[in-house]
């Protein structure tokens, strides 16, 4: 299993108890977890799938 490190808090997190996520990276994977409940589980995606998701978000394909 790939170790996920380099966790970063979303720039959209405001620190006032709102919806906050962190994204971390491993060799070939990306992890996403709740900043307020780091031990509550991590969603893990292949790096290529995460990149495709981000591209779709940036292209405003959701909504």
Protein backbone atom coordinates (compact mmCIF):
# COMPACT_ATOMS: atom_id res chain seq x y z
CA UNK A 1 0.00 0.00 0.00
CA UNK A 2 1.25 3.43 -0.95
CA UNK A 3 1.96 5.84 1.92
CA UNK A 4 0.21 9.18 1.57
CA UNK A 5 2.19 12.19 2.78
CA UNK A 6 2.41 15.92 2.10
CA UNK A 7 -1.11 16.66 3.36
CA UNK A 8 -2.40 20.11 2.41
CA UNK A 9 -5.54 21.81 3.65
CA UNK A 10 -7.84 23.16 0.98
CA UNK A 11 -7.43 26.86 0.23
CA UNK A 12 -11.25 27.01 0.50
CA UNK A 13 -11.13 26.00 4.18
CA UNK A 14 -11.75 28.96 6.44
CA UNK A 15 -10.88 27.51 9.85
CA UNK A 16 -14.31 28.35 11.32
CA UNK A 17 -15.76 24.84 11.51
CA UNK A 18 -16.86 24.73 7.90
CA UNK A 19 -16.35 21.95 5.41
CA UNK A 20 -12.61 21.36 5.35
CA UNK A 21 -10.68 18.76 3.42
CA UNK A 22 -7.03 17.85 3.07
CA UNK A 23 -5.36 16.34 0.05
CA UNK A 24 -2.20 14.27 0.29
CA UNK A 25 -0.05 12.49 -2.23
CA UNK A 26 1.74 9.19 -2.53
CA UNK A 27 3.78 7.67 -5.33
CA UNK A 28 0.81 6.88 -7.59
CA UNK A 29 -2.16 7.87 -5.46
CA UNK A 30 -3.92 10.90 -3.98
CA UNK A 31 -5.75 10.82 -0.65
CA UNK A 32 -8.61 13.04 0.51
CA UNK A 33 -9.73 13.27 4.15
CA UNK A 34 -11.77 15.43 6.51
CA UNK A 35 -9.55 17.93 8.30
CA UNK A 36 -11.68 17.73 11.46
CA UNK A 37 -11.67 13.90 11.54
CA UNK A 38 -8.32 12.75 10.16
CA UNK A 39 -8.76 9.25 11.61
CA UNK A 40 -12.26 8.90 10.13
CA UNK A 41 -11.05 7.45 6.85
CA UNK A 42 -9.34 8.50 3.65
CA UNK A 43 -10.62 8.34 0.11
CA UNK A 44 -7.81 7.14 -2.17
CA UNK A 45 -7.68 7.76 -5.92
CA UNK A 46 -5.18 6.87 -8.62
CA UNK A 47 -3.21 10.01 -9.53
CA UNK A 48 -4.46 9.95 -13.12
CA UNK A 49 -8.11 9.72 -12.00
CA UNK A 50 -7.61 12.60 -9.56
CA UNK A 51 -6.07 14.70 -12.32
CA UNK A 52 -9.06 13.99 -14.57
CA UNK A 53 -11.42 14.98 -11.77
CA UNK A 54 -9.59 18.27 -11.16
CA UNK A 55 -9.62 19.06 -14.88
CA UNK A 56 -13.38 18.49 -14.97
CA UNK A 57 -13.89 20.76 -11.94
CA UNK A 58 -11.77 23.50 -13.49
CA UNK A 59 -13.76 23.18 -16.72
CA UNK A 60 -16.95 23.61 -14.67
CA UNK A 61 -18.44 20.31 -15.87
CA UNK A 62 -20.25 19.81 -12.56
CA UNK A 63 -23.13 21.90 -11.43
